[in-house]
Amino acid sequence: MKIPKPEYTTEFRELAVKRVKDGQTVGSVARDLGLVEQTLRNWVKAVDAGKLNAAGAKRVTPEQMELSRLRAENVRLKREVEILKKATAYFAKDVQ
C-alpha cells in the first residue's frame, strides 16, 4: 500500500520550524506532528536560507492548517496500526 505524499501549508511548516527554533528537538517535533525528521530538517534549512515560502504562496485559513495537521496525524496513526497488526500476528503465531 503506497501512502500519498502529504502536502503541508506554509503556516504549518512555519509553526513546525518555530518549535524547533524554540528549543525542541527535530525528532520530538516530527513525532508530534507526524512528519519525517528529514522533511522537518529540510524546512529548517529552507527557513535559514529564506526559501521556505514559495513565491506567490497563498495564505490559508486556520481550518485548512488544522486539516493538514490532522491528515499528517492520520498517516502516522495508520503506520502505527500497521505495525501493531504485524506484531499481533507475530505474537499470536508464537502462542500456538
Foldseek 3Di string as FASTA:
>chain_A
DDDDDADAALVLLVVLLVVVVVPDPLVVSCVVQLHDSVVNVVSNVCVVVVRSDPPPRDDDDPVVNVVSSVVSVVVNVVVVVVVVVVVVVVVVVVVD
